[in-house]
Structure formats: C-alpha cells, structure tokens
Amino acid sequence: GGRPDEDGQFVVSLEGGAEVRALRLLI
C-alpha cells in the first residue's frame, strides 16, 4: 500500500494451512 516495510511482517498461521500477513499485530 505504498508504505515501506522496513520492520518486517508478522505471519499468522491458521488451522488448515492458510496464512495471514500484517505489519502490526494485536493479540
């Protein structure tokens, strides 16, 4: 989205094998 990703990404693994990627994470 035009924003640099210098901090890396979080990869969330779901049951069944799907993944979700994001720059910020709230638990």
PDB file of all heavy atoms in Angstrom:
ATOM      1  N   GLY A   1       0.796  -1.219   0.000  1.00  0.00           N
ATOM      2  CA  GLY A   1       0.000   0.000   0.000  1.00  0.00           C
ATOM      3  C   GLY A   1       0.826   1.265   0.000  1.00  0.00           C
ATOM      4  O   GLY A   1       0.415   2.297   0.519  1.00  0.00           O
ATOM      5  N   GLY A   2       2.056   1.199  -0.573  1.00  0.00           N
ATOM      6  CA  GLY A   2       2.875   2.393  -0.632  1.00  0.00           C
ATOM      7  C   GLY A   2       3.689   2.645   0.611  1.00  0.00           C
ATOM      8  O   GLY A   2       4.500   3.564   0.652  1.00  0.00           O
ATOM      9  N   ARG A   3       3.489   1.832   1.654  1.00  0.00           N
ATOM     10  CA  ARG A   3       4.237   2.032   2.884  1.00  0.00           C
ATOM     11  C   ARG A   3       5.449   1.116   2.905  1.00  0.00           C
ATOM     12  O   ARG A   3       5.360  -0.069   2.623  1.00  0.00           O
ATOM     13  CB  ARG A   3       3.364   1.733   4.098  1.00  0.00           C
ATOM     14  CG  ARG A   3       2.341   2.838   4.397  1.00  0.00           C
ATOM     15  CD  ARG A   3       1.778   2.625   5.804  1.00  0.00           C
ATOM     16  NE  ARG A   3       1.005   3.776   6.215  1.00  0.00           N
ATOM     17  CZ  ARG A   3      -0.305   3.888   6.038  1.00  0.00           C
ATOM     18  NH1 ARG A   3      -0.958   2.938   5.436  1.00  0.00           N
ATOM     19  NH2 ARG A   3      -0.944   4.970   6.441  1.00  0.00           N
ATOM     20  N   PRO A   4       6.620   1.631   3.258  1.00  0.00           N
ATOM     21  CA  PRO A   4       7.799   0.779   3.356  1.00  0.00           C
ATOM     22  C   PRO A   4       7.623  -0.232   4.475  1.00  0.00           C
ATOM     23  O   PRO A   4       6.909  -0.001   5.439  1.00  0.00           O
ATOM     24  CB  PRO A   4       8.917   1.760   3.675  1.00  0.00           C
ATOM     25  CG  PRO A   4       8.238   2.933   4.319  1.00  0.00           C
ATOM     26  CD  PRO A   4       6.895   3.024   3.656  1.00  0.00           C
ATOM     27  N   ASP A   5       8.278  -1.375   4.344  1.00  0.00           N
ATOM     28  CA  ASP A   5       8.139  -2.461   5.298  1.00  0.00           C
ATOM     29  C   ASP A   5       9.489  -2.724   5.960  1.00  0.00           C
ATOM     30  O   ASP A   5       9.945  -3.854   6.043  1.00  0.00           O
ATOM     31  CB  ASP A   5       7.621  -3.698   4.557  1.00  0.00           C
ATOM     32  CG  ASP A   5       7.309  -4.843   5.507  1.00  0.00           C
ATOM     33  OD1 ASP A   5       7.243  -4.597   6.713  1.00  0.00           O
ATOM     34  OD2 ASP A   5       7.161  -5.968   5.025  1.00  0.00           O
ATOM     35  N   GLU A   6      10.112  -1.660   6.433  1.00  0.00           N
ATOM     36  CA  GLU A   6      11.449  -1.832   6.995  1.00  0.00           C
ATOM     37  C   GLU A   6      11.449  -2.619   8.291  1.00  0.00           C
ATOM     38  O   GLU A   6      12.491  -3.088   8.749  1.00  0.00           O
ATOM     39  CB  GLU A   6      12.108  -0.469   7.232  1.00  0.00           C
ATOM     40  CG  GLU A   6      11.427   0.410   8.267  1.00  0.00           C
ATOM     41  CD  GLU A   6      10.387   1.340   7.676  1.00  0.00           C
ATOM     42  OE1 GLU A   6       9.915   1.072   6.563  1.00  0.00           O
ATOM     43  OE2 GLU A   6      10.047   2.333   8.337  1.00  0.00           O
ATOM     44  N   ASP A   7      10.268  -2.793   8.922  1.00  0.00           N
ATOM     45  CA  ASP A   7      10.204  -3.506  10.190  1.00  0.00           C
ATOM     46  C   ASP A   7       9.860  -4.977  10.034  1.00  0.00           C
ATOM     47  O   ASP A   7       9.760  -5.694  11.018  1.00  0.00           O
ATOM     48  CB  ASP A   7       9.154  -2.855  11.097  1.00  0.00           C
ATOM     49  CG  ASP A   7       9.506  -1.408  11.406  1.00  0.00           C
ATOM     50  OD1 ASP A   7      10.669  -1.170  11.761  1.00  0.00           O
ATOM     51  OD2 ASP A   7       8.634  -0.552  11.281  1.00  0.00           O
ATOM     52  N   GLY A   8       9.647  -5.434   8.814  1.00  0.00           N
ATOM     53  CA  GLY A   8       9.288  -6.826   8.606  1.00  0.00           C
ATOM     54  C   GLY A   8       7.789  -7.053   8.701  1.00  0.00           C
ATOM     55  O   GLY A   8       6.995  -6.105   8.840  1.00  0.00           O
ATOM     56  N   GLN A   9       7.408  -8.302   8.631  1.00  0.00           N
ATOM     57  CA  GLN A   9       5.995  -8.675   8.647  1.00  0.00           C
ATOM     58  C   GLN A   9       5.754  -9.761   9.679  1.00  0.00           C
ATOM     59  O   GLN A   9       6.635 -10.556   9.991  1.00  0.00           O
ATOM     60  CB  GLN A   9       5.574  -9.224   7.276  1.00  0.00           C
ATOM     61  CG  GLN A   9       5.760  -8.298   6.122  1.00  0.00           C
ATOM     62  CD  GLN A   9       5.447  -8.979   4.799  1.00  0.00           C
ATOM     63  OE1 GLN A   9       4.971 -10.116   4.778  1.00  0.00           O
ATOM     64  NE2 GLN A   9       5.715  -8.290   3.705  1.00  0.00           N
ATOM     65  N   PHE A  10       4.517  -9.787  10.193  1.00  0.00           N
ATOM     66  CA  PHE A  10       4.071 -10.888  11.032  1.00  0.00           C
ATOM     67  C   PHE A  10       3.290 -11.864  10.163  1.00  0.00           C
ATOM     68  O   PHE A  10       2.459 -11.446   9.346  1.00  0.00           O
ATOM     69  CB  PHE A  10       3.194 -10.373  12.169  1.00  0.00           C
ATOM     70  CG  PHE A  10       3.938  -9.492  13.133  1.00  0.00           C
ATOM     71  CD1 PHE A  10       3.845  -8.107  13.029  1.00  0.00           C
ATOM     72  CD2 PHE A  10       4.749 -10.032  14.112  1.00  0.00           C
ATOM     73  CE1 PHE A  10       4.530  -7.287  13.903  1.00  0.00           C
ATOM     74  CE2 PHE A  10       5.447  -9.220  14.985  1.00  0.00           C
ATOM     75  CZ  PHE A  10       5.342  -7.845  14.881  1.00  0.00           C
ATOM     76  N   VAL A  11       3.559 -13.135  10.342  1.00  0.00           N
ATOM     77  CA  VAL A  11       2.864 -14.172   9.596  1.00  0.00           C
ATOM     78  C   VAL A  11       2.095 -15.033  10.595  1.00  0.00           C
ATOM     79  O   VAL A  11       2.693 -15.684  11.463  1.00  0.00           O
ATOM     80  CB  VAL A  11       3.852 -15.050   8.793  1.00  0.00           C
ATOM     81  CG1 VAL A  11       3.075 -16.084   7.973  1.00  0.00           C
ATOM     82  CG2 VAL A  11       4.719 -14.183   7.892  1.00  0.00           C
ATOM     83  N   VAL A  12       0.775 -15.015  10.484  1.00  0.00           N
ATOM     84  CA  VAL A  12      -0.095 -15.771  11.373  1.00  0.00           C
ATOM     85  C   VAL A  12      -0.547 -17.034  10.638  1.00  0.00           C
ATOM     86  O   VAL A  12      -1.140 -16.949   9.550  1.00  0.00           O
ATOM     87  CB  VAL A  12      -1.320 -14.943  11.787  1.00  0.00           C
ATOM     88  CG1 VAL A  12      -2.192 -15.740  12.749  1.00  0.00           C
ATOM     89  CG2 VAL A  12      -0.888 -13.621  12.421  1.00  0.00           C
ATOM     90  N   SER A  13      -0.249 -18.194  11.204  1.00  0.00           N
ATOM     91  CA  SER A  13      -0.646 -19.470  10.612  1.00  0.00           C
ATOM     92  C   SER A  13      -1.985 -19.905  11.194  1.00  0.00           C
ATOM     93  O   SER A  13      -2.202 -19.837  12.410  1.00  0.00           O
ATOM     94  CB  SER A  13       0.406 -20.542  10.900  1.00  0.00           C
ATOM     95  OG  SER A  13       1.659 -20.166  10.363  1.00  0.00           O
ATOM     96  N   LEU A  14      -2.879 -20.368  10.314  1.00  0.00           N
ATOM     97  CA  LEU A  14      -4.201 -20.815  10.734  1.00  0.00           C
ATOM     98  C   LEU A  14      -4.329 -22.314  10.577  1.00  0.00           C
ATOM     99  O   LEU A  14      -3.614 -22.941   9.787  1.00  0.00           O
ATOM    100  CB  LEU A  14      -5.291 -20.124   9.915  1.00  0.00           C
ATOM    101  CG  LEU A  14      -5.235 -18.603   9.794  1.00  0.00           C
ATOM    102  CD1 LEU A  14      -6.430 -18.097   9.001  1.00  0.00           C
ATOM    103  CD2 LEU A  14      -5.190 -17.960  11.169  1.00  0.00           C
ATOM    104  N   GLU A  15      -5.249 -22.888  11.330  1.00  0.00           N
ATOM    105  CA  GLU A  15      -5.561 -24.304  11.139  1.00  0.00           C
ATOM    106  C   GLU A  15      -5.977 -24.524   9.688  1.00  0.00           C
ATOM    107  O   GLU A  15      -6.758 -23.753   9.130  1.00  0.00           O
ATOM    108  CB  GLU A  15      -6.703 -24.733  12.061  1.00  0.00           C
ATOM    109  CG  GLU A  15      -6.280 -25.063  13.467  1.00  0.00           C
ATOM    110  CD  GLU A  15      -7.413 -25.625  14.299  1.00  0.00           C
ATOM    111  OE1 GLU A  15      -8.568 -25.663  13.801  1.00  0.00           O
ATOM    112  OE2 GLU A  15      -7.166 -26.010  15.458  1.00  0.00           O
ATOM    113  N   GLY A  16      -5.437 -25.570   9.079  1.00  0.00           N
ATOM    114  CA  GLY A  16      -5.738 -25.833   7.684  1.00  0.00           C
ATOM    115  C   GLY A  16      -4.658 -25.355   6.746  1.00  0.00           C
ATOM    116  O   GLY A  16      -4.705 -25.657   5.550  1.00  0.00           O
ATOM    117  N   GLY A  17      -3.706 -24.558   7.262  1.00  0.00           N
ATOM    118  CA  GLY A  17      -2.559 -24.186   6.443  1.00  0.00           C
ATOM    119  C   GLY A  17      -2.553 -22.778   5.892  1.00  0.00           C
ATOM    120  O   GLY A  17      -1.543 -22.338   5.346  1.00  0.00           O
ATOM    121  N   ALA A  18      -3.668 -22.032   5.998  1.00  0.00           N
ATOM    122  CA  ALA A  18      -3.697 -20.665   5.482  1.00  0.00           C
ATOM    123  C   ALA A  18      -2.812 -19.755   6.340  1.00  0.00           C
ATOM    124  O   ALA A  18      -2.511 -20.063   7.501  1.00  0.00           O
ATOM    125  CB  ALA A  18      -5.129 -20.138   5.458  1.00  0.00           C
ATOM    126  N   GLU A  19      -2.396 -18.650   5.750  1.00  0.00           N
ATOM    127  CA  GLU A  19      -1.577 -17.674   6.457  1.00  0.00           C
ATOM    128  C   GLU A  19      -2.140 -16.275   6.266  1.00  0.00           C
ATOM    129  O   GLU A  19      -2.740 -15.971   5.234  1.00  0.00           O
ATOM    130  CB  GLU A  19      -0.128 -17.700   5.965  1.00  0.00           C
ATOM    131  CG  GLU A  19       0.633 -18.958   6.336  1.00  0.00           C
ATOM    132  CD  GLU A  19       2.088 -18.889   5.912  1.00  0.00           C
ATOM    133  OE1 GLU A  19       2.432 -18.068   5.028  1.00  0.00           O
ATOM    134  OE2 GLU A  19       2.888 -19.672   6.473  1.00  0.00           O
ATOM    135  N   VAL A  20      -1.921 -15.435   7.264  1.00  0.00           N
ATOM    136  CA  VAL A  20      -2.291 -14.021   7.217  1.00  0.00           C
ATOM    137  C   VAL A  20      -1.035 -13.223   7.517  1.00  0.00           C
ATOM    138  O   VAL A  20      -0.305 -13.526   8.469  1.00  0.00           O
ATOM    139  CB  VAL A  20      -3.384 -13.698   8.251  1.00  0.00           C
ATOM    140  CG1 VAL A  20      -3.620 -12.203   8.336  1.00  0.00           C
ATOM    141  CG2 VAL A  20      -4.682 -14.423   7.902  1.00  0.00           C
ATOM    142  N   ARG A  21      -0.781 -12.186   6.706  1.00  0.00           N
ATOM    143  CA  ARG A  21       0.402 -11.355   6.886  1.00  0.00           C
ATOM    144  C   ARG A  21      -0.003  -9.923   7.217  1.00  0.00           C
ATOM    145  O   ARG A  21      -0.968  -9.397   6.655  1.00  0.00           O
ATOM    146  CB  ARG A  21       1.269 -11.369   5.619  1.00  0.00           C
ATOM    147  CG  ARG A  21       1.898 -12.732   5.345  1.00  0.00           C
ATOM    148  CD  ARG A  21       2.627 -12.770   4.013  1.00  0.00           C
ATOM    149  NE  ARG A  21       3.280 -14.062   3.835  1.00  0.00           N
ATOM    150  CZ  ARG A  21       4.554 -14.309   4.125  1.00  0.00           C
ATOM    151  NH1 ARG A  21       5.326 -13.321   4.564  1.00  0.00           N
ATOM    152  NH2 ARG A  21       5.072 -15.504   3.965  1.00  0.00           N
ATOM    153  N   ALA A  22       0.762  -9.304   8.119  1.00  0.00           N
ATOM    154  CA  ALA A  22       0.452  -7.926   8.514  1.00  0.00           C
ATOM    155  C   ALA A  22       1.689  -7.250   9.061  1.00  0.00           C
ATOM    156  O   ALA A  22       2.638  -7.904   9.501  1.00  0.00           O
ATOM    157  CB  ALA A  22      -0.653  -7.922   9.563  1.00  0.00           C
ATOM    158  N   LEU A  23       1.657  -5.903   9.031  1.00  0.00           N
ATOM    159  CA  LEU A  23       2.759  -5.103   9.561  1.00  0.00           C
ATOM    160  C   LEU A  23       2.658  -4.885  11.068  1.00  0.00           C
ATOM    161  O   LEU A  23       3.666  -4.704  11.738  1.00  0.00           O
ATOM    162  CB  LEU A  23       2.798  -3.741   8.866  1.00  0.00           C
ATOM    163  CG  LEU A  23       2.887  -3.742   7.340  1.00  0.00           C
ATOM    164  CD1 LEU A  23       2.950  -2.317   6.831  1.00  0.00           C
ATOM    165  CD2 LEU A  23       4.095  -4.545   6.876  1.00  0.00           C
ATOM    166  N   ARG A  24       1.432  -4.874  11.573  1.00  0.00           N
ATOM    167  CA  ARG A  24       1.206  -4.680  13.004  1.00  0.00           C
ATOM    168  C   ARG A  24       0.264  -5.779  13.486  1.00  0.00           C
ATOM    169  O   ARG A  24      -0.607  -6.235  12.751  1.00  0.00           O
ATOM    170  CB  ARG A  24       0.579  -3.308  13.286  1.00  0.00           C
ATOM    171  CG  ARG A  24       1.425  -2.133  12.808  1.00  0.00           C
ATOM    172  CD  ARG A  24       2.700  -1.998  13.621  1.00  0.00           C
ATOM    173  NE  ARG A  24       3.468  -0.821  13.255  1.00  0.00           N
ATOM    174  CZ  ARG A  24       4.434  -0.804  12.327  1.00  0.00           C
ATOM    175  NH1 ARG A  24       4.724  -1.912  11.659  1.00  0.00           N
ATOM    176  NH2 ARG A  24       5.089   0.322  12.076  1.00  0.00           N
ATOM    177  N   LEU A  25       0.428  -6.142  14.757  1.00  0.00           N
ATOM    178  CA  LEU A  25      -0.317  -7.275  15.298  1.00  0.00           C
ATOM    179  C   LEU A  25      -0.938  -6.917  16.636  1.00  0.00           C
ATOM    180  O   LEU A  25      -0.273  -6.352  17.513  1.00  0.00           O
ATOM    181  CB  LEU A  25       0.620  -8.474  15.469  1.00  0.00           C
ATOM    182  CG  LEU A  25       0.000  -9.787  15.959  1.00  0.00           C
ATOM    183  CD1 LEU A  25      -0.961 -10.345  14.911  1.00  0.00           C
ATOM    184  CD2 LEU A  25       1.105 -10.809  16.257  1.00  0.00           C
ATOM    185  N   LEU A  26      -2.219  -7.241  16.791  1.00  0.00           N
ATOM    186  CA  LEU A  26      -2.908  -7.105  18.073  1.00  0.00           C
ATOM    187  C   LEU A  26      -3.391  -8.485  18.502  1.00  0.00           C
ATOM    188  O   LEU A  26      -4.113  -9.158  17.757  1.00  0.00           O
ATOM    189  CB  LEU A  26      -4.099  -6.152  17.959  1.00  0.00           C
ATOM    190  CG  LEU A  26      -5.016  -6.087  19.191  1.00  0.00           C
ATOM    191  CD1 LEU A  26      -4.265  -5.565  20.412  1.00  0.00           C
ATOM    192  CD2 LEU A  26      -6.242  -5.226  18.911  1.00  0.00           C
ATOM    193  N   ILE A  27      -3.004  -8.881  19.701  1.00  0.00           N
ATOM    194  CA  ILE A  27      -3.436 -10.168  20.253  1.00  0.00           C
ATOM    195  C   ILE A  27      -4.547  -9.898  21.257  1.00  0.00           C
ATOM    196  O   ILE A  27      -4.339  -9.238  22.277  1.00  0.00           O
ATOM    197  CB  ILE A  27      -2.254 -10.905  20.912  1.00  0.00           C
ATOM    198  CG1 ILE A  27      -1.176 -11.191  19.873  1.00  0.00           C
ATOM    199  CG2 ILE A  27      -2.735 -12.204  21.565  1.00  0.00           C
ATOM    200  CD1 ILE A  27       0.092 -11.814  20.435  1.00  0.00           C
TER     201      ILE A  27
END
